[in-house]
N, C-alpha and C. Protein backbone atom coordinates (compact mmCIF):
# COMPACT_ATOMS: atom_id res chain seq x y z
N MET A 1 -17.63 9.24 22.28
CA MET A 1 -18.33 9.16 21.01
C MET A 1 -18.83 10.55 20.64
N ARG A 2 -18.62 10.94 19.41
CA ARG A 2 -19.00 12.30 19.01
C ARG A 2 -20.50 12.40 18.78
N GLN A 3 -21.05 13.52 19.16
CA GLN A 3 -22.48 13.77 19.01
C GLN A 3 -22.77 14.66 17.80
N GLU A 4 -21.81 15.48 17.44
CA GLU A 4 -22.00 16.44 16.35
C GLU A 4 -21.28 15.95 15.09
N PRO A 5 -21.84 16.22 13.92
CA PRO A 5 -21.13 15.86 12.69
C PRO A 5 -19.88 16.72 12.52
N THR A 6 -18.92 16.19 11.84
CA THR A 6 -17.67 16.91 11.62
C THR A 6 -17.39 17.01 10.12
N TRP A 7 -16.72 18.06 9.73
CA TRP A 7 -16.40 18.29 8.33
C TRP A 7 -15.32 17.32 7.84
N ARG A 8 -14.55 16.73 8.78
CA ARG A 8 -13.43 15.88 8.38
C ARG A 8 -13.87 14.61 7.66
N ILE A 9 -15.02 14.08 7.97
CA ILE A 9 -15.44 12.81 7.36
C ILE A 9 -15.76 12.98 5.87
N PRO A 10 -16.64 13.91 5.47
CA PRO A 10 -16.87 14.03 4.01
C PRO A 10 -15.64 14.50 3.25
N ILE A 11 -14.87 15.42 3.85
CA ILE A 11 -13.65 15.88 3.18
C ILE A 11 -12.65 14.73 3.10
N GLY A 12 -12.55 13.94 4.15
CA GLY A 12 -11.64 12.79 4.16
C GLY A 12 -12.02 11.75 3.13
N VAL A 13 -13.30 11.48 2.98
CA VAL A 13 -13.74 10.50 1.98
C VAL A 13 -13.43 11.02 0.58
N LEU A 14 -13.70 12.28 0.33
CA LEU A 14 -13.37 12.86 -0.98
C LEU A 14 -11.88 12.82 -1.24
N ALA A 15 -11.08 13.16 -0.23
CA ALA A 15 -9.62 13.13 -0.39
C ALA A 15 -9.14 11.71 -0.65
N LEU A 16 -9.73 10.75 0.02
CA LEU A 16 -9.35 9.36 -0.19
C LEU A 16 -9.67 8.90 -1.61
N VAL A 17 -10.85 9.22 -2.09
CA VAL A 17 -11.24 8.84 -3.46
C VAL A 17 -10.32 9.50 -4.48
N VAL A 18 -10.07 10.79 -4.31
CA VAL A 18 -9.19 11.51 -5.24
C VAL A 18 -7.78 10.94 -5.20
N SER A 19 -7.26 10.69 -4.00
CA SER A 19 -5.89 10.18 -3.91
C SER A 19 -5.78 8.77 -4.49
N LEU A 20 -6.80 7.94 -4.31
CA LEU A 20 -6.75 6.61 -4.92
C LEU A 20 -6.83 6.66 -6.44
N LEU A 21 -7.64 7.58 -6.96
CA LEU A 21 -7.70 7.76 -8.41
C LEU A 21 -6.35 8.23 -8.95
N LEU A 22 -5.74 9.18 -8.26
CA LEU A 22 -4.42 9.66 -8.69
C LEU A 22 -3.37 8.54 -8.61
N TYR A 23 -3.38 7.81 -7.51
CA TYR A 23 -2.43 6.70 -7.34
C TYR A 23 -2.61 5.67 -8.46
N GLY A 24 -3.83 5.28 -8.72
CA GLY A 24 -4.09 4.30 -9.77
C GLY A 24 -3.67 4.80 -11.15
N ASN A 25 -3.95 6.06 -11.42
CA ASN A 25 -3.56 6.63 -12.73
C ASN A 25 -2.05 6.74 -12.87
N VAL A 26 -1.37 7.12 -11.81
CA VAL A 26 0.10 7.21 -11.87
C VAL A 26 0.69 5.83 -12.10
N ILE A 27 0.19 4.83 -11.39
CA ILE A 27 0.69 3.46 -11.58
C ILE A 27 0.41 3.00 -13.00
N ALA A 28 -0.79 3.24 -13.50
CA ALA A 28 -1.15 2.82 -14.85
C ALA A 28 -0.33 3.55 -15.90
N TRP A 29 -0.06 4.82 -15.66
CA TRP A 29 0.66 5.63 -16.65
C TRP A 29 2.15 5.33 -16.65
N LEU A 30 2.73 5.18 -15.46
CA LEU A 30 4.18 5.00 -15.38
C LEU A 30 4.62 3.54 -15.45
N LEU A 31 3.90 2.66 -14.79
CA LEU A 31 4.38 1.31 -14.63
C LEU A 31 3.79 0.30 -15.61
N ALA A 32 2.55 0.47 -15.98
CA ALA A 32 1.89 -0.51 -16.83
C ALA A 32 2.60 -0.72 -18.17
N PRO A 33 3.06 0.34 -18.85
CA PRO A 33 3.77 0.07 -20.12
C PRO A 33 5.03 -0.78 -19.93
N THR A 34 5.72 -0.60 -18.82
CA THR A 34 6.92 -1.39 -18.56
C THR A 34 6.56 -2.83 -18.25
N LEU A 35 5.53 -3.01 -17.42
CA LEU A 35 5.15 -4.36 -17.01
C LEU A 35 4.41 -5.14 -18.10
N ALA A 36 3.92 -4.48 -19.11
CA ALA A 36 3.13 -5.16 -20.15
C ALA A 36 3.94 -6.24 -20.87
N SER A 37 5.22 -6.06 -20.96
CA SER A 37 6.04 -7.05 -21.66
C SER A 37 6.47 -8.21 -20.75
N TRP A 38 6.22 -8.11 -19.46
CA TRP A 38 6.57 -9.17 -18.52
C TRP A 38 5.56 -10.32 -18.61
N PRO A 39 5.97 -11.50 -18.23
CA PRO A 39 5.01 -12.61 -18.14
C PRO A 39 3.98 -12.32 -17.03
N VAL A 40 2.81 -12.88 -17.18
CA VAL A 40 1.71 -12.63 -16.24
C VAL A 40 2.10 -13.02 -14.82
N LEU A 41 2.79 -14.12 -14.66
CA LEU A 41 3.17 -14.56 -13.31
C LEU A 41 4.22 -13.64 -12.68
N ALA A 42 4.92 -12.87 -13.45
CA ALA A 42 5.85 -11.89 -12.90
C ALA A 42 5.12 -10.57 -12.59
N GLN A 43 4.08 -10.27 -13.37
CA GLN A 43 3.30 -9.05 -13.13
C GLN A 43 2.46 -9.16 -11.87
N ALA A 44 1.93 -10.32 -11.61
CA ALA A 44 0.98 -10.50 -10.50
C ALA A 44 1.53 -10.05 -9.15
N PRO A 45 2.74 -10.45 -8.74
CA PRO A 45 3.23 -9.98 -7.44
C PRO A 45 3.42 -8.47 -7.38
N VAL A 46 3.83 -7.89 -8.49
CA VAL A 46 4.01 -6.43 -8.52
C VAL A 46 2.67 -5.73 -8.30
N TYR A 47 1.65 -6.16 -9.01
CA TYR A 47 0.33 -5.54 -8.86
C TYR A 47 -0.29 -5.84 -7.49
N ILE A 48 0.00 -7.00 -6.93
CA ILE A 48 -0.50 -7.30 -5.59
C ILE A 48 0.14 -6.36 -4.57
N VAL A 49 1.44 -6.19 -4.65
CA VAL A 49 2.13 -5.27 -3.73
C VAL A 49 1.61 -3.85 -3.91
N LEU A 50 1.48 -3.40 -5.14
CA LEU A 50 0.97 -2.04 -5.39
C LEU A 50 -0.48 -1.89 -4.94
N GLY A 51 -1.24 -2.97 -4.99
CA GLY A 51 -2.62 -2.92 -4.53
C GLY A 51 -2.75 -2.89 -3.02
N VAL A 52 -1.71 -3.31 -2.31
CA VAL A 52 -1.74 -3.33 -0.85
C VAL A 52 -1.05 -2.11 -0.25
N ILE A 53 -0.09 -1.54 -0.97
CA ILE A 53 0.70 -0.40 -0.45
C ILE A 53 -0.17 0.76 0.01
N TRP A 54 -1.24 1.05 -0.70
CA TRP A 54 -2.05 2.22 -0.35
C TRP A 54 -2.75 2.04 1.00
N LEU A 55 -2.80 0.81 1.51
CA LEU A 55 -3.45 0.56 2.79
C LEU A 55 -2.62 1.05 3.99
N PHE A 56 -1.31 1.15 3.84
CA PHE A 56 -0.45 1.53 4.97
C PHE A 56 -0.78 2.90 5.55
N PRO A 57 -0.94 3.96 4.76
CA PRO A 57 -1.29 5.25 5.37
C PRO A 57 -2.77 5.37 5.73
N LEU A 58 -3.57 4.39 5.37
CA LEU A 58 -5.02 4.48 5.57
C LEU A 58 -5.40 4.53 7.05
N ARG A 59 -4.71 3.80 7.91
CA ARG A 59 -5.05 3.78 9.34
C ARG A 59 -4.95 5.17 9.95
N ARG A 60 -3.83 5.84 9.71
CA ARG A 60 -3.66 7.18 10.27
C ARG A 60 -4.67 8.16 9.67
N PHE A 61 -4.97 7.98 8.42
CA PHE A 61 -5.95 8.84 7.76
C PHE A 61 -7.33 8.67 8.38
N MET A 62 -7.72 7.43 8.65
CA MET A 62 -9.01 7.17 9.28
C MET A 62 -9.05 7.72 10.70
N ILE A 63 -7.93 7.61 11.42
CA ILE A 63 -7.85 8.19 12.77
C ILE A 63 -8.05 9.69 12.69
N TRP A 64 -7.42 10.34 11.71
CA TRP A 64 -7.59 11.79 11.55
C TRP A 64 -9.05 12.14 11.27
N MET A 65 -9.69 11.35 10.43
CA MET A 65 -11.10 11.64 10.10
C MET A 65 -11.96 11.59 11.35
N GLU A 66 -11.68 10.68 12.25
CA GLU A 66 -12.50 10.52 13.47
C GLU A 66 -12.11 11.49 14.58
N THR A 67 -10.80 11.73 14.77
CA THR A 67 -10.37 12.48 15.94
C THR A 67 -9.78 13.84 15.63
N GLY A 68 -9.28 14.05 14.42
CA GLY A 68 -8.61 15.30 14.09
C GLY A 68 -7.12 15.24 14.37
N ARG A 69 -6.64 14.10 14.85
CA ARG A 69 -5.21 13.90 15.11
C ARG A 69 -4.72 12.72 14.26
N PHE A 70 -3.43 12.72 13.95
CA PHE A 70 -2.88 11.63 13.15
C PHE A 70 -2.33 10.49 14.00
N LYS A 71 -2.32 10.64 15.33
CA LYS A 71 -1.81 9.58 16.20
C LYS A 71 -2.89 9.05 17.08
């Protein structure tokens, strides 16, 4: 267990917030106009998948914030 604060945690949180904002804006800018004409029941699975995709790299990112390594 670490005793000293590390710079990786605040920088990691800021990077996570910025990357999520960018991801959301890119999805809204590129995909939303195309999906707007789809029926709601067809849009829902697409947005659910896109809402879950960002979680996949999160584990390694959190490990890096705590240990400084990606594995």
